[in-house]
Amino acid sequence: MARIFNRGELKSALLSVIATLGEGHGYAIMQELQRRVGGQWRASPGAIYPALVALESAGVVRSEEREGMRVYQLTPEGEEMLERHDAAPAWRELALRAEARRARITLGRLLDRFELALPRGTGLSAEQAELVDAALTRARNEITAILDQGAEHG
């Protein structure tokens, strides 16, 4: 799978985004990063938060707890770093990488997206459960047929 960020680019991108926002909590930073890279790519908290912690450890970002959220902003050292180096990545190139990655979408990713869109904790009546089971069975059969067609042409 094509990577979106090369070594060091994520941290540079985060610095650039935080500088633009002035300050922001992790979710706002991820949204802006996603917007800049392209809407098809989704920032992963498992990558973003460790990078923010590393930037904080390096002294270029500081954070504070506000209303139950950790808010990040550049330190003077971070601002200086942005001035000395063009720390902003080439957003167009990142967007192209994200698009190339999107082209390699898998059935598992589509199923994950589908599952995430479903309501959680919803109790079902017996009739609803039967109807949902029948709909899922139809969907499984249709997906299997689509994949079988692809195997015939591939």
Protein backbone atom coordinates (compact mmCIF):
# COMPACT_ATOMS: atom_id res chain seq x y z
CA MET A 1 0.00 0.00 0.00
CA ALA A 2 1.28 3.46 -0.90
CA ARG A 3 2.23 5.58 2.08
CA ILE A 4 0.87 9.07 2.37
CA PHE A 5 3.67 10.60 4.43
CA ASN A 6 7.36 9.95 3.95
CA ARG A 7 9.73 10.09 6.91
CA GLY A 8 9.38 13.38 8.75
CA GLU A 9 6.56 14.72 6.59
CA LEU A 10 3.79 14.03 9.09
CA LYS A 11 5.48 16.08 11.79
CA SER A 12 6.13 18.91 9.34
CA ALA A 13 2.53 18.75 8.18
CA LEU A 14 1.31 18.88 11.78
CA LEU A 15 3.48 21.92 12.51
CA SER A 16 2.10 23.64 9.43
CA VAL A 17 -1.50 22.83 10.33
CA ILE A 18 -1.09 23.97 13.95
CA ALA A 19 0.52 27.21 12.74
CA THR A 20 -2.45 27.83 10.45
CA LEU A 21 -5.00 27.03 13.15
CA GLY A 22 -3.12 28.99 15.82
CA GLU A 23 -4.10 26.23 18.22
CA GLY A 24 -6.29 23.20 18.04
CA HIS A 25 -7.30 19.97 19.66
CA GLY A 26 -6.37 16.67 18.04
CA TYR A 27 -9.64 16.22 16.19
CA ALA A 28 -9.50 19.73 14.65
CA ILE A 29 -5.89 19.15 13.64
CA MET A 30 -6.80 15.80 12.03
CA GLN A 31 -9.74 17.40 10.18
CA GLU A 32 -7.56 20.17 8.76
CA LEU A 33 -4.85 17.69 7.82
CA GLN A 34 -7.44 15.51 6.10
CA ARG A 35 -8.86 18.54 4.26
CA ARG A 36 -5.41 19.53 3.00
CA VAL A 37 -4.40 16.05 1.92
CA GLY A 38 -7.72 15.22 0.34
CA GLY A 39 -11.07 14.16 1.65
CA GLN A 40 -10.57 10.52 0.66
CA TRP A 41 -7.75 10.06 3.18
CA ARG A 42 -8.57 9.84 6.86
CA ALA A 43 -6.07 10.79 9.54
CA SER A 44 -5.40 8.00 12.00
CA PRO A 45 -5.36 8.91 15.70
CA GLY A 46 -2.84 6.07 16.11
CA ALA A 47 -0.39 8.03 13.97
CA ILE A 48 -1.35 11.62 14.77
CA TYR A 49 -1.28 11.56 18.58
CA PRO A 50 2.14 9.89 18.90
CA ALA A 51 3.50 12.45 16.41
CA LEU A 52 2.01 15.29 18.48
CA VAL A 53 3.59 13.81 21.62
CA ALA A 54 6.95 13.61 19.82
CA LEU A 55 6.64 17.23 18.70
CA GLU A 56 5.85 18.22 22.27
CA SER A 57 8.85 16.25 23.56
CA ALA A 58 11.01 18.05 20.99
CA GLY A 59 9.79 21.38 22.41
CA VAL A 60 8.24 22.68 19.19
CA VAL A 61 4.63 22.16 20.32
CA ARG A 62 3.02 22.59 23.72
CA SER A 63 -0.33 21.41 24.91
CA GLU A 64 -2.72 22.11 27.72
CA GLU A 65 -5.92 20.55 28.94
CA ARG A 66 -9.01 22.68 28.26
CA GLU A 67 -12.57 21.58 28.83
CA GLY A 68 -11.56 17.94 28.74
CA MET A 69 -9.54 18.27 25.52
CA ARG A 70 -5.84 18.61 24.91
CA VAL A 71 -5.16 21.76 22.87
CA TYR A 72 -1.91 22.08 20.92
CA GLN A 73 -0.05 25.20 19.80
CA LEU A 74 3.41 26.00 18.51
CA THR A 75 6.12 27.09 20.92
CA PRO A 76 8.49 29.92 19.94
CA GLU A 77 10.92 27.16 18.91
CA GLY A 78 8.26 25.65 16.65
CA GLU A 79 7.53 29.02 15.07
CA GLU A 80 11.26 29.54 14.55
CA MET A 81 11.54 26.11 12.95
CA LEU A 82 8.77 26.98 10.50
CA GLU A 83 10.53 30.24 9.64
CA ARG A 84 13.94 28.56 9.11
CA HIS A 85 12.66 25.67 7.02
CA ASP A 86 9.78 25.30 4.68
CA ALA A 87 8.25 22.79 7.07
CA ALA A 88 4.98 22.64 5.14
CA PRO A 89 4.91 19.55 2.97
CA ALA A 90 3.98 19.69 -0.67
CA TRP A 91 0.22 19.39 -0.15
CA ARG A 92 -0.46 18.58 -3.79
CA GLU A 93 2.00 15.68 -3.73
CA LEU A 94 0.45 14.36 -0.52
CA ALA A 95 -3.01 14.58 -2.09
CA LEU A 96 -1.77 12.60 -5.11
CA ARG A 97 -0.34 9.93 -2.81
CA ALA A 98 -3.64 9.79 -0.92
CA GLU A 99 -5.54 9.37 -4.19
CA ALA A 100 -3.18 6.56 -5.26
CA ARG A 101 -3.73 4.88 -1.92
CA ARG A 102 -7.50 5.24 -2.27
CA ALA A 103 -7.33 3.40 -5.58
CA ARG A 104 -6.09 0.35 -3.65
CA ILE A 105 -9.17 0.09 -1.48
CA THR A 106 -10.00 -3.36 -0.16
CA LEU A 107 -13.21 -5.17 0.65
CA GLY A 108 -12.22 -5.08 4.31
CA ARG A 109 -11.95 -1.27 4.25
CA LEU A 110 -15.34 -0.96 2.61
CA LEU A 111 -16.85 -3.28 5.20
CA ASP A 112 -15.22 -1.30 8.01
CA ARG A 113 -16.65 1.93 6.59
CA PHE A 114 -20.07 0.28 6.30
CA GLU A 115 -19.95 -0.99 9.86
CA LEU A 116 -18.86 2.38 11.24
CA ALA A 117 -21.85 4.04 9.57
CA LEU A 118 -24.36 1.78 11.31
CA PRO A 119 -26.07 2.89 14.52
CA ARG A 120 -24.67 1.24 17.64
CA GLY A 121 -26.53 -0.11 20.63
CA THR A 122 -29.81 -0.29 18.83
CA GLY A 123 -31.97 -3.09 20.15
CA LEU A 124 -33.84 -4.98 17.46
CA SER A 125 -37.20 -6.65 17.60
CA ALA A 126 -37.43 -10.21 16.30
CA GLU A 127 -38.99 -8.90 13.09
CA GLN A 128 -36.28 -6.27 12.62
CA ALA A 129 -33.55 -8.83 13.25
CA GLU A 130 -35.06 -11.11 10.61
CA LEU A 131 -35.32 -8.28 8.07
CA VAL A 132 -31.76 -7.08 8.74
CA ASP A 133 -30.44 -10.65 8.48
CA ALA A 134 -32.22 -11.09 5.13
CA ALA A 135 -30.82 -7.75 3.85
CA LEU A 136 -27.30 -8.72 4.90
CA THR A 137 -27.67 -12.11 3.23
CA ARG A 138 -28.78 -10.41 -0.01
CA ALA A 139 -25.87 -7.98 0.21
CA ARG A 140 -23.41 -10.83 0.83
CA ASN A 141 -24.77 -12.73 -2.19
CA GLU A 142 -24.54 -9.63 -4.41
CA ILE A 143 -21.00 -8.85 -3.23
CA THR A 144 -19.93 -12.45 -3.81
CA ALA A 145 -21.39 -12.30 -7.35
CA ILE A 146 -19.52 -9.04 -8.04
CA LEU A 147 -16.26 -10.53 -6.80
CA ASP A 148 -16.84 -13.69 -8.82
CA GLN A 149 -17.32 -11.55 -11.95
CA GLY A 150 -14.07 -9.76 -11.22
CA ALA A 151 -12.26 -13.08 -10.86
CA GLU A 152 -13.58 -14.18 -14.27
CA HIS A 153 -12.27 -11.01 -15.92
CA GLY A 154 -8.99 -10.84 -14.03
